[in-house]
């Protein structure tokens, strides 16, 4: 028993210490998810350290830049290959995405590809048909879905740097949190008139922004499969949800995405704001990414539920 507990504690820092299969129990692995619980509790430290305008701005920036790394790269690039980029840029955004505390890009892409393969069917690991809270959080809190299902990501596991980020997925968030504390401490010494501190900056710049980032991302799995409108006929429950799209820089146009997953753009029409796509377009202009996959005209018009969308 002690050995098993030690192995789970070690898995917080080295995920290769845990093995699981699709036949493993779906029970919540409480010991292993203690850090996830503590992150939520750490947000209450705002009552101790307070707030300042600079802390709020840093929290917002921390949220937005990491949300872009998740939406544009973890999702549209690593999961769907919706555009191309260099190996250096690939690693940079995998590294930035890792700071979001949603594990490594390979693990993320493997589970997301399985979701699309079996969307809202029995083998979909986070369909709300299995329960809303399961789709939102339960699926990744159980041991069954802890390991990376490599058969879905043969194209990604050939990169040793991505495999390293997957194995030591908690290291980067720890370093990110420490850097936030260091930044706040430096500001408190150099610019005391800003009324911030190391503690305040780690609470706002890491804990609060990260928890908000995690749950907004998870809303795509949960809310965007139960609330919203269906523009296209698909074989699943995906919905277009404007609020989720706003919070996730464009990911909430989820019915569009399930209609044509390989598109770099998820807001198919001009009124569907897709900030991630706009930023990818800017990166393409700068030569950092290329070959952004468009939406073919025939796919844009195919299976429309309402022709009003073409006005």
C-alpha atoms as a PDB file:
ATOM      1  CA  UNK A   1       0.000   0.000   0.000  1.00  0.00           C
ATOM      2  CA  UNK A   2       2.782   2.429   0.955  1.00  0.00           C
ATOM      3  CA  UNK A   3       4.628   1.633  -2.268  1.00  0.00           C
ATOM      4  CA  UNK A   4       1.486   2.322  -4.297  1.00  0.00           C
ATOM      5  CA  UNK A   5       0.960   5.688  -2.581  1.00  0.00           C
ATOM      6  CA  UNK A   6       4.602   6.628  -3.129  1.00  0.00           C
ATOM      7  CA  UNK A   7       4.277   5.752  -6.813  1.00  0.00           C
ATOM      8  CA  UNK A   8       1.259   8.044  -7.138  1.00  0.00           C
ATOM      9  CA  UNK A   9       3.079  10.857  -5.366  1.00  0.00           C
ATOM     10  CA  UNK A  10       5.992  10.371  -7.739  1.00  0.00           C
ATOM     11  CA  UNK A  11       3.571  10.546 -10.672  1.00  0.00           C
ATOM     12  CA  UNK A  12       2.935  14.184  -9.775  1.00  0.00           C
ATOM     13  CA  UNK A  13       6.423  14.883 -11.129  1.00  0.00           C
ATOM     14  CA  UNK A  14       7.085  11.957 -13.506  1.00  0.00           C
ATOM     15  CA  UNK A  15       4.008  10.605 -15.272  1.00  0.00           C
ATOM     16  CA  UNK A  16       5.889   7.542 -16.541  1.00  0.00           C
ATOM     17  CA  UNK A  17       5.539   6.059 -13.040  1.00  0.00           C
ATOM     18  CA  UNK A  18       1.833   5.407 -13.592  1.00  0.00           C
ATOM     19  CA  UNK A  19       0.410   2.819 -15.954  1.00  0.00           C
ATOM     20  CA  UNK A  20      -3.223   2.363 -16.848  1.00  0.00           C
ATOM     21  CA  UNK A  21      -5.309   0.864 -19.627  1.00  0.00           C
ATOM     22  CA  UNK A  22      -8.766   1.383 -21.054  1.00  0.00           C
ATOM     23  CA  UNK A  23      -9.953  -1.390 -18.726  1.00  0.00           C
ATOM     24  CA  UNK A  24      -8.814   0.512 -15.625  1.00  0.00           C
ATOM     25  CA  UNK A  25     -11.492   1.733 -13.220  1.00  0.00           C
ATOM     26  CA  UNK A  26     -13.119   5.101 -13.833  1.00  0.00           C
ATOM     27  CA  UNK A  27     -13.107   5.906 -10.108  1.00  0.00           C
ATOM     28  CA  UNK A  28     -11.584   9.269  -9.174  1.00  0.00           C
ATOM     29  CA  UNK A  29      -7.941   8.825  -8.167  1.00  0.00           C
ATOM     30  CA  UNK A  30      -8.072  11.199  -5.200  1.00  0.00           C
ATOM     31  CA  UNK A  31      -4.446  10.913  -4.078  1.00  0.00           C
ATOM     32  CA  UNK A  32      -3.076  11.723  -7.509  1.00  0.00           C
ATOM     33  CA  UNK A  33      -5.377  14.729  -8.016  1.00  0.00           C
ATOM     34  CA  UNK A  34      -4.507  16.447  -4.735  1.00  0.00           C
ATOM     35  CA  UNK A  35      -2.510  19.145  -6.637  1.00  0.00           C
ATOM     36  CA  UNK A  36      -5.610  19.959  -8.711  1.00  0.00           C
ATOM     37  CA  UNK A  37      -7.640  20.418  -5.533  1.00  0.00           C
ATOM     38  CA  UNK A  38      -4.910  22.505  -3.887  1.00  0.00           C
ATOM     39  CA  UNK A  39      -4.776  24.830  -6.902  1.00  0.00           C
ATOM     40  CA  UNK A  40      -8.429  25.707  -6.373  1.00  0.00           C
ATOM     41  CA  UNK A  41      -7.881  26.281  -2.655  1.00  0.00           C
ATOM     42  CA  UNK A  42      -4.818  28.444  -3.397  1.00  0.00           C
ATOM     43  CA  UNK A  43      -7.095  30.961  -5.130  1.00  0.00           C
ATOM     44  CA  UNK A  44      -8.440  31.803  -1.661  1.00  0.00           C
ATOM     45  CA  UNK A  45      -5.039  33.299  -0.847  1.00  0.00           C
ATOM     46  CA  UNK A  46      -6.368  36.402  -2.577  1.00  0.00           C
ATOM     47  CA  UNK A  47      -7.916  37.115   0.831  1.00  0.00           C
ATOM     48  CA  UNK A  48      -4.391  37.268   2.222  1.00  0.00           C
ATOM     49  CA  UNK A  49      -2.495  39.046  -0.559  1.00  0.00           C
ATOM     50  CA  UNK A  50      -5.263  41.214  -1.972  1.00  0.00           C
ATOM     51  CA  UNK A  51      -5.158  42.673  -5.453  1.00  0.00           C
ATOM     52  CA  UNK A  52      -3.686  45.505  -7.466  1.00  0.00           C
ATOM     53  CA  UNK A  53      -4.309  46.815 -10.988  1.00  0.00           C
ATOM     54  CA  UNK A  54      -1.010  45.375 -12.206  1.00  0.00           C
ATOM     55  CA  UNK A  55      -1.876  41.952 -10.778  1.00  0.00           C
ATOM     56  CA  UNK A  56      -5.205  41.983 -12.627  1.00  0.00           C
ATOM     57  CA  UNK A  57      -3.551  42.938 -15.918  1.00  0.00           C
ATOM     58  CA  UNK A  58      -0.914  40.231 -15.500  1.00  0.00           C
ATOM     59  CA  UNK A  59      -3.644  37.689 -14.707  1.00  0.00           C
ATOM     60  CA  UNK A  60      -5.533  38.673 -17.857  1.00  0.00           C
ATOM     61  CA  UNK A  61      -2.431  38.483 -20.035  1.00  0.00           C
ATOM     62  CA  UNK A  62      -1.444  35.156 -18.450  1.00  0.00           C
ATOM     63  CA  UNK A  63      -4.915  33.816 -19.231  1.00  0.00           C
ATOM     64  CA  UNK A  64      -5.038  35.043 -22.822  1.00  0.00           C
ATOM     65  CA  UNK A  65      -1.553  34.021 -23.984  1.00  0.00           C
ATOM     66  CA  UNK A  66      -1.922  30.528 -22.556  1.00  0.00           C
ATOM     67  CA  UNK A  67      -5.468  30.166 -23.875  1.00  0.00           C
ATOM     68  CA  UNK A  68      -4.091  30.952 -27.322  1.00  0.00           C
ATOM     69  CA  UNK A  69      -1.421  28.265 -26.877  1.00  0.00           C
ATOM     70  CA  UNK A  70      -4.155  25.752 -25.990  1.00  0.00           C
ATOM     71  CA  UNK A  71      -6.688  26.718 -28.654  1.00  0.00           C
ATOM     72  CA  UNK A  72      -4.375  27.400 -31.571  1.00  0.00           C
ATOM     73  CA  UNK A  73      -1.631  24.856 -30.904  1.00  0.00           C
ATOM     74  CA  UNK A  74      -2.766  22.114 -28.509  1.00  0.00           C
ATOM     75  CA  UNK A  75      -6.079  21.927 -30.346  1.00  0.00           C
ATOM     76  CA  UNK A  76      -5.871  23.171 -33.935  1.00  0.00           C
ATOM     77  CA  UNK A  77      -2.225  22.249 -34.550  1.00  0.00           C
ATOM     78  CA  UNK A  78      -1.297  19.221 -32.429  1.00  0.00           C
ATOM     79  CA  UNK A  79      -4.741  17.614 -32.452  1.00  0.00           C
ATOM     80  CA  UNK A  80      -5.930  18.453 -35.974  1.00  0.00           C
ATOM     81  CA  UNK A  81      -2.912  19.597 -38.014  1.00  0.00           C
ATOM     82  CA  UNK A  82      -4.889  22.595 -39.233  1.00  0.00           C
ATOM     83  CA  UNK A  83      -1.677  24.406 -40.204  1.00  0.00           C
ATOM     84  CA  UNK A  84       2.080  23.897 -40.350  1.00  0.00           C
ATOM     85  CA  UNK A  85       4.939  25.434 -38.419  1.00  0.00           C
ATOM     86  CA  UNK A  86       8.617  24.912 -37.690  1.00  0.00           C
ATOM     87  CA  UNK A  87       9.885  22.470 -35.109  1.00  0.00           C
ATOM     88  CA  UNK A  88      11.186  25.358 -33.001  1.00  0.00           C
ATOM     89  CA  UNK A  89       7.794  27.117 -33.003  1.00  0.00           C
ATOM     90  CA  UNK A  90       6.089  23.794 -32.344  1.00  0.00           C
ATOM     91  CA  UNK A  91       8.195  23.299 -29.216  1.00  0.00           C
ATOM     92  CA  UNK A  92       7.812  26.902 -28.067  1.00  0.00           C
ATOM     93  CA  UNK A  93       4.026  26.698 -28.077  1.00  0.00           C
ATOM     94  CA  UNK A  94       4.035  23.194 -26.608  1.00  0.00           C
ATOM     95  CA  UNK A  95       6.099  24.690 -23.789  1.00  0.00           C
ATOM     96  CA  UNK A  96       3.756  27.649 -23.415  1.00  0.00           C
ATOM     97  CA  UNK A  97       0.746  25.336 -23.521  1.00  0.00           C
ATOM     98  CA  UNK A  98       2.297  23.215 -20.766  1.00  0.00           C
ATOM     99  CA  UNK A  99       2.215  26.248 -18.450  1.00  0.00           C
ATOM    100  CA  UNK A 100      -1.599  26.076 -18.658  1.00  0.00           C
ATOM    101  CA  UNK A 101      -1.453  22.957 -16.447  1.00  0.00           C
ATOM    102  CA  UNK A 102      -3.436  20.840 -18.897  1.00  0.00           C
ATOM    103  CA  UNK A 103      -0.602  18.327 -19.212  1.00  0.00           C
ATOM    104  CA  UNK A 104       1.548  17.772 -22.293  1.00  0.00           C
ATOM    105  CA  UNK A 105       0.568  18.374 -25.908  1.00  0.00           C
ATOM    106  CA  UNK A 106       0.842  14.680 -26.834  1.00  0.00           C
ATOM    107  CA  UNK A 107      -1.476  13.541 -24.014  1.00  0.00           C
ATOM    108  CA  UNK A 108      -3.910  16.366 -24.832  1.00  0.00           C
ATOM    109  CA  UNK A 109      -3.980  15.592 -28.548  1.00  0.00           C
ATOM    110  CA  UNK A 110      -4.337  11.830 -28.035  1.00  0.00           C
ATOM    111  CA  UNK A 111      -7.454  12.189 -25.917  1.00  0.00           C
ATOM    112  CA  UNK A 112      -8.917  14.858 -28.170  1.00  0.00           C
ATOM    113  CA  UNK A 113      -8.435  12.750 -31.284  1.00  0.00           C
ATOM    114  CA  UNK A 114     -10.205   9.873 -29.552  1.00  0.00           C
ATOM    115  CA  UNK A 115     -13.042  12.258 -28.700  1.00  0.00           C
ATOM    116  CA  UNK A 116     -13.502  13.134 -32.370  1.00  0.00           C
ATOM    117  CA  UNK A 117     -13.289   9.541 -33.478  1.00  0.00           C
ATOM    118  CA  UNK A 118     -16.135   8.530 -31.144  1.00  0.00           C
ATOM    119  CA  UNK A 119     -17.834  11.866 -30.485  1.00  0.00           C
ATOM    120  CA  UNK A 120     -20.777  11.415 -28.078  1.00  0.00           C
ATOM    121  CA  UNK A 121     -20.614   7.643 -28.427  1.00  0.00           C
ATOM    122  CA  UNK A 122     -19.743   5.114 -25.720  1.00  0.00           C
ATOM    123  CA  UNK A 123     -15.989   5.385 -26.387  1.00  0.00           C
ATOM    124  CA  UNK A 124     -15.997   9.181 -26.191  1.00  0.00           C
ATOM    125  CA  UNK A 125     -14.096   9.740 -22.959  1.00  0.00           C
ATOM    126  CA  UNK A 126     -15.755  13.031 -22.065  1.00  0.00           C
ATOM    127  CA  UNK A 127     -19.210  13.114 -23.575  1.00  0.00           C
ATOM    128  CA  UNK A 128     -21.906  14.794 -21.441  1.00  0.00           C
ATOM    129  CA  UNK A 129     -24.005  11.733 -22.221  1.00  0.00           C
ATOM    130  CA  UNK A 130     -21.946  10.096 -19.468  1.00  0.00           C
ATOM    131  CA  UNK A 131     -22.838  12.963 -17.101  1.00  0.00           C
ATOM    132  CA  UNK A 132     -22.188  16.712 -17.233  1.00  0.00           C
ATOM    133  CA  UNK A 133     -19.569  16.815 -14.458  1.00  0.00           C
ATOM    134  CA  UNK A 134     -17.870  13.749 -15.863  1.00  0.00           C
ATOM    135  CA  UNK A 135     -17.493  15.547 -19.197  1.00  0.00           C
ATOM    136  CA  UNK A 136     -16.235  18.664 -17.444  1.00  0.00           C
ATOM    137  CA  UNK A 137     -13.756  17.178 -14.963  1.00  0.00           C
ATOM    138  CA  UNK A 138     -14.280  13.562 -14.006  1.00  0.00           C
ATOM    139  CA  UNK A 139     -12.768  12.076 -17.138  1.00  0.00           C
ATOM    140  CA  UNK A 140      -9.242  13.378 -16.470  1.00  0.00           C
ATOM    141  CA  UNK A 141      -9.374  12.888 -12.690  1.00  0.00           C
ATOM    142  CA  UNK A 142      -9.597   9.106 -13.005  1.00  0.00           C
ATOM    143  CA  UNK A 143      -6.600   6.834 -13.472  1.00  0.00           C
ATOM    144  CA  UNK A 144      -8.083   5.294 -16.611  1.00  0.00           C
ATOM    145  CA  UNK A 145      -7.375   8.390 -18.709  1.00  0.00           C
ATOM    146  CA  UNK A 146      -4.081   9.341 -17.093  1.00  0.00           C
ATOM    147  CA  UNK A 147      -1.746   7.722 -19.607  1.00  0.00           C
ATOM    148  CA  UNK A 148      -1.215   8.830 -23.202  1.00  0.00           C
ATOM    149  CA  UNK A 149      -2.883   6.613 -25.799  1.00  0.00           C
ATOM    150  CA  UNK A 150      -0.030   6.591 -28.232  1.00  0.00           C
ATOM    151  CA  UNK A 151      -1.855   4.837 -31.050  1.00  0.00           C
ATOM    152  CA  UNK A 152      -3.695   8.096 -31.737  1.00  0.00           C
ATOM    153  CA  UNK A 153      -0.549  10.256 -31.889  1.00  0.00           C
ATOM    154  CA  UNK A 154       2.094   8.306 -33.815  1.00  0.00           C
ATOM    155  CA  UNK A 155       3.002  11.515 -35.631  1.00  0.00           C
ATOM    156  CA  UNK A 156       3.813  13.326 -32.364  1.00  0.00           C
ATOM    157  CA  UNK A 157       5.646  10.740 -30.282  1.00  0.00           C
ATOM    158  CA  UNK A 158       8.611  10.863 -32.672  1.00  0.00           C
ATOM    159  CA  UNK A 159       9.617  14.217 -31.133  1.00  0.00           C
ATOM    160  CA  UNK A 160      11.705  13.590 -27.979  1.00  0.00           C
ATOM    161  CA  UNK A 161      11.195  17.149 -26.731  1.00  0.00           C
ATOM    162  CA  UNK A 162       7.411  16.704 -26.812  1.00  0.00           C
ATOM    163  CA  UNK A 163       7.717  13.350 -25.067  1.00  0.00           C
ATOM    164  CA  UNK A 164       9.803  15.013 -22.354  1.00  0.00           C
ATOM    165  CA  UNK A 165       7.147  17.664 -21.814  1.00  0.00           C
ATOM    166  CA  UNK A 166       4.548  14.899 -21.573  1.00  0.00           C
ATOM    167  CA  UNK A 167       6.546  12.913 -19.028  1.00  0.00           C
ATOM    168  CA  UNK A 168       7.400  15.844 -16.742  1.00  0.00           C
ATOM    169  CA  UNK A 169       4.195  17.769 -17.372  1.00  0.00           C
ATOM    170  CA  UNK A 170       4.053  19.371 -13.901  1.00  0.00           C
ATOM    171  CA  UNK A 171       7.567  20.820 -14.048  1.00  0.00           C
ATOM    172  CA  UNK A 172       6.729  23.637 -16.461  1.00  0.00           C
ATOM    173  CA  UNK A 173       3.720  24.924 -14.464  1.00  0.00           C
ATOM    174  CA  UNK A 174       5.843  24.882 -11.299  1.00  0.00           C
ATOM    175  CA  UNK A 175       8.527  26.949 -13.016  1.00  0.00           C
ATOM    176  CA  UNK A 176       5.860  29.273 -14.398  1.00  0.00           C
ATOM    177  CA  UNK A 177       4.403  29.811 -10.942  1.00  0.00           C
ATOM    178  CA  UNK A 178       7.854  30.477  -9.495  1.00  0.00           C
ATOM    179  CA  UNK A 179       8.538  33.004 -12.254  1.00  0.00           C
ATOM    180  CA  UNK A 180       5.286  34.793 -11.372  1.00  0.00           C
ATOM    181  CA  UNK A 181       6.369  34.992  -7.739  1.00  0.00           C
ATOM    182  CA  UNK A 182       9.800  36.278  -8.802  1.00  0.00           C
ATOM    183  CA  UNK A 183       8.224  38.895 -11.069  1.00  0.00           C
ATOM    184  CA  UNK A 184       5.982  40.117  -8.272  1.00  0.00           C
ATOM    185  CA  UNK A 185       8.881  40.224  -5.817  1.00  0.00           C
ATOM    186  CA  UNK A 186      10.954  42.267  -8.282  1.00  0.00           C
ATOM    187  CA  UNK A 187       8.073  44.695  -8.797  1.00  0.00           C
ATOM    188  CA  UNK A 188       7.647  45.111  -5.046  1.00  0.00           C
ATOM    189  CA  UNK A 189      11.313  46.136  -4.737  1.00  0.00           C
ATOM    190  CA  UNK A 190      11.685  48.168  -7.922  1.00  0.00           C
ATOM    191  CA  UNK A 191       8.228  49.756  -8.136  1.00  0.00           C
ATOM    192  CA  UNK A 192       6.650  49.769  -4.667  1.00  0.00           C
ATOM    193  CA  UNK A 193       4.079  52.306  -5.849  1.00  0.00           C
ATOM    194  CA  UNK A 194       2.378  49.450  -7.753  1.00  0.00           C
ATOM    195  CA  UNK A 195       1.435  47.852  -4.425  1.00  0.00           C
ATOM    196  CA  UNK A 196       2.069  44.289  -5.542  1.00  0.00           C
ATOM    197  CA  UNK A 197       4.167  41.432  -4.193  1.00  0.00           C
ATOM    198  CA  UNK A 198       5.435  37.971  -5.019  1.00  0.00           C
ATOM    199  CA  UNK A 199       2.502  36.349  -3.235  1.00  0.00           C
ATOM    200  CA  UNK A 200      -0.035  38.543  -4.980  1.00  0.00           C
ATOM    201  CA  UNK A 201       1.450  37.868  -8.387  1.00  0.00           C
ATOM    202  CA  UNK A 202       1.534  34.094  -8.027  1.00  0.00           C
ATOM    203  CA  UNK A 203      -2.073  34.083  -6.793  1.00  0.00           C
ATOM    204  CA  UNK A 204      -3.366  36.204  -9.677  1.00  0.00           C
ATOM    205  CA  UNK A 205      -0.829  35.460 -12.402  1.00  0.00           C
ATOM    206  CA  UNK A 206      -0.793  31.732 -11.873  1.00  0.00           C
ATOM    207  CA  UNK A 207      -3.479  30.254  -9.606  1.00  0.00           C
ATOM    208  CA  UNK A 208      -6.531  32.365 -10.453  1.00  0.00           C
ATOM    209  CA  UNK A 209      -5.731  32.740 -14.156  1.00  0.00           C
ATOM    210  CA  UNK A 210      -4.911  29.032 -14.473  1.00  0.00           C
ATOM    211  CA  UNK A 211      -8.081  27.822 -12.762  1.00  0.00           C
ATOM    212  CA  UNK A 212     -10.134  30.153 -14.963  1.00  0.00           C
ATOM    213  CA  UNK A 213      -8.228  28.911 -18.018  1.00  0.00           C
ATOM    214  CA  UNK A 214      -8.751  25.246 -17.155  1.00  0.00           C
ATOM    215  CA  UNK A 215     -12.486  25.525 -16.542  1.00  0.00           C
ATOM    216  CA  UNK A 216     -13.134  27.700 -19.590  1.00  0.00           C
ATOM    217  CA  UNK A 217     -11.289  25.151 -21.729  1.00  0.00           C
ATOM    218  CA  UNK A 218     -13.281  22.321 -20.166  1.00  0.00           C
ATOM    219  CA  UNK A 219     -16.523  24.128 -21.010  1.00  0.00           C
ATOM    220  CA  UNK A 220     -15.880  23.188 -24.639  1.00  0.00           C
ATOM    221  CA  UNK A 221     -16.214  19.517 -23.627  1.00  0.00           C
ATOM    222  CA  UNK A 222     -19.223  20.073 -21.401  1.00  0.00           C
ATOM    223  CA  UNK A 223     -21.284  23.209 -22.124  1.00  0.00           C
ATOM    224  CA  UNK A 224     -20.592  23.220 -25.874  1.00  0.00           C
ATOM    225  CA  UNK A 225     -22.185  19.772 -26.104  1.00  0.00           C
ATOM    226  CA  UNK A 226     -25.361  20.651 -24.199  1.00  0.00           C
ATOM    227  CA  UNK A 227     -26.038  24.397 -24.650  1.00  0.00           C
ATOM    228  CA  UNK A 228     -26.079  26.460 -27.815  1.00  0.00           C
ATOM    229  CA  UNK A 229     -27.242  26.176 -31.406  1.00  0.00           C
ATOM    230  CA  UNK A 230     -26.582  23.639 -34.136  1.00  0.00           C
ATOM    231  CA  UNK A 231     -25.783  25.261 -37.461  1.00  0.00           C
ATOM    232  CA  UNK A 232     -24.773  21.981 -39.116  1.00  0.00           C
ATOM    233  CA  UNK A 233     -26.106  18.447 -38.999  1.00  0.00           C
ATOM    234  CA  UNK A 234     -23.459  16.312 -37.273  1.00  0.00           C
ATOM    235  CA  UNK A 235     -23.469  12.861 -35.709  1.00  0.00           C
ATOM    236  CA  UNK A 236     -22.952  14.263 -32.213  1.00  0.00           C
ATOM    237  CA  UNK A 237     -24.309  16.839 -29.758  1.00  0.00           C
ATOM    238  CA  UNK A 238     -21.826  19.635 -30.548  1.00  0.00           C
ATOM    239  CA  UNK A 239     -23.217  23.170 -30.240  1.00  0.00           C
ATOM    240  CA  UNK A 240     -22.135  26.679 -31.179  1.00  0.00           C
ATOM    241  CA  UNK A 241     -21.947  28.642 -27.943  1.00  0.00           C
ATOM    242  CA  UNK A 242     -21.067  32.324 -28.202  1.00  0.00           C
ATOM    243  CA  UNK A 243     -20.161  32.716 -24.528  1.00  0.00           C
ATOM    244  CA  UNK A 244     -17.764  29.773 -24.645  1.00  0.00           C
ATOM    245  CA  UNK A 245     -16.327  31.181 -27.885  1.00  0.00           C
ATOM    246  CA  UNK A 246     -15.702  34.524 -26.174  1.00  0.00           C
ATOM    247  CA  UNK A 247     -13.999  32.907 -23.180  1.00  0.00           C
ATOM    248  CA  UNK A 248     -11.851  30.566 -25.292  1.00  0.00           C
ATOM    249  CA  UNK A 249     -10.832  32.864 -28.157  1.00  0.00           C
ATOM    250  CA  UNK A 250     -13.048  31.088 -30.676  1.00  0.00           C
ATOM    251  CA  UNK A 251     -13.320  27.470 -29.539  1.00  0.00           C
ATOM    252  CA  UNK A 252     -17.002  27.781 -28.705  1.00  0.00           C
ATOM    253  CA  UNK A 253     -18.036  27.513 -32.362  1.00  0.00           C
ATOM    254  CA  UNK A 254     -17.985  23.832 -31.626  1.00  0.00           C
ATOM    255  CA  UNK A 255     -20.672  22.615 -33.994  1.00  0.00           C
ATOM    256  CA  UNK A 256     -18.750  24.296 -36.825  1.00  0.00           C
ATOM    257  CA  UNK A 257     -15.606  22.545 -35.646  1.00  0.00           C
ATOM    258  CA  UNK A 258     -17.204  19.110 -35.536  1.00  0.00           C
ATOM    259  CA  UNK A 259     -18.604  19.715 -39.008  1.00  0.00           C
ATOM    260  CA  UNK A 260     -15.098  20.308 -40.417  1.00  0.00           C
ATOM    261  CA  UNK A 261     -12.430  19.643 -37.727  1.00  0.00           C
ATOM    262  CA  UNK A 262      -9.296  20.296 -39.815  1.00  0.00           C
ATOM    263  CA  UNK A 263     -10.080  23.939 -40.493  1.00  0.00           C
ATOM    264  CA  UNK A 264      -7.754  26.468 -38.859  1.00  0.00           C
ATOM    265  CA  UNK A 265     -10.799  28.694 -38.504  1.00  0.00           C
ATOM    266  CA  UNK A 266     -13.714  27.731 -36.254  1.00  0.00           C
ATOM    267  CA  UNK A 267     -15.782  30.875 -36.613  1.00  0.00           C
ATOM    268  CA  UNK A 268     -16.900  30.088 -40.132  1.00  0.00           C
ATOM    269  CA  UNK A 269     -18.870  33.298 -40.701  1.00  0.00           C
ATOM    270  CA  UNK A 270     -17.871  36.920 -40.184  1.00  0.00           C
ATOM    271  CA  UNK A 271     -20.107  37.359 -37.141  1.00  0.00           C
ATOM    272  CA  UNK A 272     -18.553  34.345 -35.389  1.00  0.00           C
ATOM    273  CA  UNK A 273     -15.580  35.978 -33.652  1.00  0.00           C
ATOM    274  CA  UNK A 274     -12.530  33.710 -33.657  1.00  0.00           C
ATOM    275  CA  UNK A 275      -9.589  35.513 -32.050  1.00  0.00           C
ATOM    276  CA  UNK A 276      -7.298  32.484 -32.261  1.00  0.00           C
ATOM    277  CA  UNK A 277      -7.728  32.404 -36.030  1.00  0.00           C
ATOM    278  CA  UNK A 278      -7.027  36.117 -36.332  1.00  0.00           C
ATOM    279  CA  UNK A 279      -3.779  35.681 -34.394  1.00  0.00           C
ATOM    280  CA  UNK A 280      -2.836  32.662 -36.516  1.00  0.00           C
ATOM    281  CA  UNK A 281      -3.395  34.795 -39.607  1.00  0.00           C
ATOM    282  CA  UNK A 282      -1.010  37.378 -38.166  1.00  0.00           C
ATOM    283  CA  UNK A 283       1.549  34.650 -37.426  1.00  0.00           C
ATOM    284  CA  UNK A 284       1.174  33.407 -41.000  1.00  0.00           C
ATOM    285  CA  UNK A 285       1.863  36.936 -42.267  1.00  0.00           C
ATOM    286  CA  UNK A 286       5.039  36.943 -40.154  1.00  0.00           C
ATOM    287  CA  UNK A 287       6.085  33.541 -41.529  1.00  0.00           C
ATOM    288  CA  UNK A 288       5.803  31.722 -38.188  1.00  0.00           C
ATOM    289  CA  UNK A 289       3.058  29.386 -39.406  1.00  0.00           C
ATOM    290  CA  UNK A 290       1.804  28.517 -42.877  1.00  0.00           C
ATOM    291  CA  UNK A 291      -0.697  26.454 -44.861  1.00  0.00           C
ATOM    292  CA  UNK A 292      -3.660  27.399 -42.676  1.00  0.00           C
ATOM    293  CA  UNK A 293      -6.378  24.977 -43.736  1.00  0.00           C
ATOM    294  CA  UNK A 294      -9.425  26.846 -45.108  1.00  0.00           C
ATOM    295  CA  UNK A 295     -13.049  25.760 -45.103  1.00  0.00           C
ATOM    296  CA  UNK A 296     -13.910  24.466 -48.587  1.00  0.00           C
ATOM    297  CA  UNK A 297     -16.939  26.253 -50.020  1.00  0.00           C
ATOM    298  CA  UNK A 298     -18.761  22.967 -50.492  1.00  0.00           C
ATOM    299  CA  UNK A 299     -18.208  22.076 -46.821  1.00  0.00           C
ATOM    300  CA  UNK A 300     -19.245  25.548 -45.689  1.00  0.00           C
ATOM    301  CA  UNK A 301     -22.617  25.146 -47.378  1.00  0.00           C
ATOM    302  CA  UNK A 302     -23.120  21.407 -46.870  1.00  0.00           C
ATOM    303  CA  UNK A 303     -25.515  20.134 -44.193  1.00  0.00           C
ATOM    304  CA  UNK A 304     -26.600  23.603 -43.091  1.00  0.00           C
ATOM    305  CA  UNK A 305     -29.637  23.340 -40.868  1.00  0.00           C
ATOM    306  CA  UNK A 306     -30.712  26.900 -41.635  1.00  0.00           C
ATOM    307  CA  UNK A 307     -30.071  28.695 -44.874  1.00  0.00           C
ATOM    308  CA  UNK A 308     -30.322  31.930 -42.870  1.00  0.00           C
ATOM    309  CA  UNK A 309     -26.631  31.412 -42.102  1.00  0.00           C
ATOM    310  CA  UNK A 310     -25.786  32.265 -45.720  1.00  0.00           C
ATOM    311  CA  UNK A 311     -27.246  35.774 -45.598  1.00  0.00           C
END
